[in-house]
Amino acid sequence: SAFSAYQDSQKVLACWEDAQYSYNLFRSPYGNAFGLIAISKQLDLVAADASREGERLDKQEAPAKEVARQMKQEEDKRVAQEKARLVSKPKFRP
């Protein structure tokens, strides 16, 4: 979840929680600044579920996207070759 990723990247100095929210006091790694973050536990779960679903869909759609990417690359190459042929054709003398 976003909450655990946040905890991994910041040193939490104090934490207050209830059933719905979590509040974390942290010290910034850049100077003498402090920060307070409030996290809705319910929304954090919804965000984590949405992230997992997005990753699942990315994996599911990856083969089709790769085929489309390769087809576009081949078409771009064909168009570039055709342009080069049109440019060099008038200059060509057998």
C-alpha atoms as a PDB file:
ATOM      1  CA  SER A   1       0.000   0.000   0.000  1.00  0.00           C
ATOM      2  CA  ALA A   2       0.992   3.632  -0.279  1.00  0.00           C
ATOM      3  CA  PHE A   3       1.244   3.748   3.504  1.00  0.00           C
ATOM      4  CA  SER A   4       3.902   1.041   3.707  1.00  0.00           C
ATOM      5  CA  ALA A   5       5.847   2.546   0.787  1.00  0.00           C
ATOM      6  CA  TYR A   6       5.784   5.879   2.588  1.00  0.00           C
ATOM      7  CA  GLN A   7       7.052   4.312   5.815  1.00  0.00           C
ATOM      8  CA  ASP A   8       9.917   2.664   3.931  1.00  0.00           C
ATOM      9  CA  SER A   9      11.117   5.980   2.489  1.00  0.00           C
ATOM     10  CA  GLN A  10      10.707   8.233   5.562  1.00  0.00           C
ATOM     11  CA  LYS A  11      11.795   7.842   9.161  1.00  0.00           C
ATOM     12  CA  VAL A  12       8.599   8.063  11.199  1.00  0.00           C
ATOM     13  CA  LEU A  13       9.207   9.781  14.548  1.00  0.00           C
ATOM     14  CA  ALA A  14       5.713   9.321  15.978  1.00  0.00           C
ATOM     15  CA  CYS A  15       2.516   7.612  14.913  1.00  0.00           C
ATOM     16  CA  TRP A  16      -1.068   8.088  16.086  1.00  0.00           C
ATOM     17  CA  GLU A  17      -3.834   5.784  14.860  1.00  0.00           C
ATOM     18  CA  ASP A  18      -7.490   5.043  15.272  1.00  0.00           C
ATOM     19  CA  ALA A  19      -9.793   2.722  13.317  1.00  0.00           C
ATOM     20  CA  GLN A  20     -10.100   5.103  10.352  1.00  0.00           C
ATOM     21  CA  TYR A  21      -6.921   7.178  10.180  1.00  0.00           C
ATOM     22  CA  SER A  22      -3.201   7.077  10.760  1.00  0.00           C
ATOM     23  CA  TYR A  23      -1.106  10.184  11.435  1.00  0.00           C
ATOM     24  CA  ASN A  24       2.652  10.074  11.093  1.00  0.00           C
ATOM     25  CA  LEU A  25       5.193  12.673  12.132  1.00  0.00           C
ATOM     26  CA  PHE A  26       8.430  12.471  10.193  1.00  0.00           C
ATOM     27  CA  ARG A  27      11.640  14.389   9.799  1.00  0.00           C
ATOM     28  CA  SER A  28      12.664  15.348   6.307  1.00  0.00           C
ATOM     29  CA  PRO A  29      15.962  13.918   5.107  1.00  0.00           C
ATOM     30  CA  TYR A  30      16.608  17.378   3.580  1.00  0.00           C
ATOM     31  CA  GLY A  31      17.382  19.732   6.446  1.00  0.00           C
ATOM     32  CA  ASN A  32      15.629  20.414   9.715  1.00  0.00           C
ATOM     33  CA  ALA A  33      12.062  20.193   8.441  1.00  0.00           C
ATOM     34  CA  PHE A  34       9.278  18.047   9.844  1.00  0.00           C
ATOM     35  CA  GLY A  35       6.123  16.801   8.215  1.00  0.00           C
ATOM     36  CA  LEU A  36       2.824  15.317   9.286  1.00  0.00           C
ATOM     37  CA  ILE A  37       0.937  12.980   7.015  1.00  0.00           C
ATOM     38  CA  ALA A  38      -2.647  11.831   7.519  1.00  0.00           C
ATOM     39  CA  ILE A  39      -3.733   8.586   5.882  1.00  0.00           C
ATOM     40  CA  SER A  40      -7.282   7.325   5.500  1.00  0.00           C
ATOM     41  CA  LYS A  41      -6.991   3.580   6.032  1.00  0.00           C
ATOM     42  CA  GLN A  42     -10.105   2.902   3.955  1.00  0.00           C
ATOM     43  CA  LEU A  43      -8.907   4.996   1.009  1.00  0.00           C
ATOM     44  CA  ASP A  44      -5.439   3.471   1.293  1.00  0.00           C
ATOM     45  CA  LEU A  45      -6.984   0.013   0.828  1.00  0.00           C
ATOM     46  CA  VAL A  46      -9.030   1.232  -2.154  1.00  0.00           C
ATOM     47  CA  ALA A  47      -5.896   2.745  -3.721  1.00  0.00           C
ATOM     48  CA  ALA A  48      -3.914  -0.461  -3.137  1.00  0.00           C
ATOM     49  CA  ASP A  49      -6.696  -2.535  -4.747  1.00  0.00           C
ATOM     50  CA  ALA A  50      -6.803  -0.168  -7.743  1.00  0.00           C
ATOM     51  CA  SER A  51      -3.033  -0.384  -8.096  1.00  0.00           C
ATOM     52  CA  ARG A  52      -3.113  -4.192  -8.071  1.00  0.00           C
ATOM     53  CA  GLU A  53      -5.917  -4.184 -10.654  1.00  0.00           C
ATOM     54  CA  GLY A  54      -3.916  -1.812 -12.855  1.00  0.00           C
ATOM     55  CA  GLU A  55      -0.873  -4.078 -12.651  1.00  0.00           C
ATOM     56  CA  ARG A  56      -3.035  -7.108 -13.484  1.00  0.00           C
ATOM     57  CA  LEU A  57      -4.512  -5.356 -16.523  1.00  0.00           C
ATOM     58  CA  ASP A  58      -1.062  -4.216 -17.676  1.00  0.00           C
ATOM     59  CA  LYS A  59       0.167  -7.823 -17.574  1.00  0.00           C
ATOM     60  CA  GLN A  60      -2.957  -9.054 -19.355  1.00  0.00           C
ATOM     61  CA  GLU A  61      -2.706  -6.429 -22.116  1.00  0.00           C
ATOM     62  CA  ALA A  62       1.091  -6.602 -22.516  1.00  0.00           C
ATOM     63  CA  PRO A  63       1.168  -9.203 -25.344  1.00  0.00           C
ATOM     64  CA  ALA A  64      -1.352  -7.275 -27.469  1.00  0.00           C
ATOM     65  CA  LYS A  65       0.476  -3.999 -26.833  1.00  0.00           C
ATOM     66  CA  GLU A  66       3.775  -5.597 -27.866  1.00  0.00           C
ATOM     67  CA  VAL A  67       2.251  -6.882 -31.116  1.00  0.00           C
ATOM     68  CA  ALA A  68       0.801  -3.424 -31.831  1.00  0.00           C
ATOM     69  CA  ARG A  69       4.164  -1.800 -31.062  1.00  0.00           C
ATOM     70  CA  GLN A  70       5.978  -4.174 -33.430  1.00  0.00           C
ATOM     71  CA  MET A  71       3.413  -3.603 -36.182  1.00  0.00           C
ATOM     72  CA  LYS A  72       3.760   0.167 -35.820  1.00  0.00           C
ATOM     73  CA  GLN A  73       7.549  -0.124 -35.876  1.00  0.00           C
ATOM     74  CA  GLU A  74       7.395  -2.207 -39.075  1.00  0.00           C
ATOM     75  CA  GLU A  75       4.952   0.250 -40.670  1.00  0.00           C
ATOM     76  CA  ASP A  76       7.178   3.211 -39.726  1.00  0.00           C
ATOM     77  CA  LYS A  77      10.163   1.404 -41.249  1.00  0.00           C
ATOM     78  CA  ARG A  78       8.203   0.671 -44.438  1.00  0.00           C
ATOM     79  CA  VAL A  79       7.107   4.323 -44.734  1.00  0.00           C
ATOM     80  CA  ALA A  80      10.690   5.527 -44.207  1.00  0.00           C
ATOM     81  CA  GLN A  81      11.953   3.134 -46.889  1.00  0.00           C
ATOM     82  CA  GLU A  82       9.231   4.287 -49.285  1.00  0.00           C
ATOM     83  CA  LYS A  83      10.189   7.934 -48.712  1.00  0.00           C
ATOM     84  CA  ALA A  84      13.848   7.108 -49.295  1.00  0.00           C
ATOM     85  CA  ARG A  85      12.928   5.259 -52.498  1.00  0.00           C
ATOM     86  CA  LEU A  86      10.911   8.234 -53.780  1.00  0.00           C
ATOM     87  CA  VAL A  87      13.819  10.591 -53.060  1.00  0.00           C
ATOM     88  CA  SER A  88      16.463   8.424 -54.710  1.00  0.00           C
ATOM     89  CA  LYS A  89      14.352   7.152 -57.654  1.00  0.00           C
ATOM     90  CA  PRO A  90      14.738  10.290 -59.835  1.00  0.00           C
ATOM     91  CA  LYS A  91      18.518  10.197 -59.323  1.00  0.00           C
ATOM     92  CA  PHE A  92      18.847   6.498 -60.152  1.00  0.00           C
ATOM     93  CA  ARG A  93      20.415   5.652 -63.511  1.00  0.00           C
ATOM     94  CA  PRO A  94      20.779   1.944 -64.364  1.00  0.00           C
END
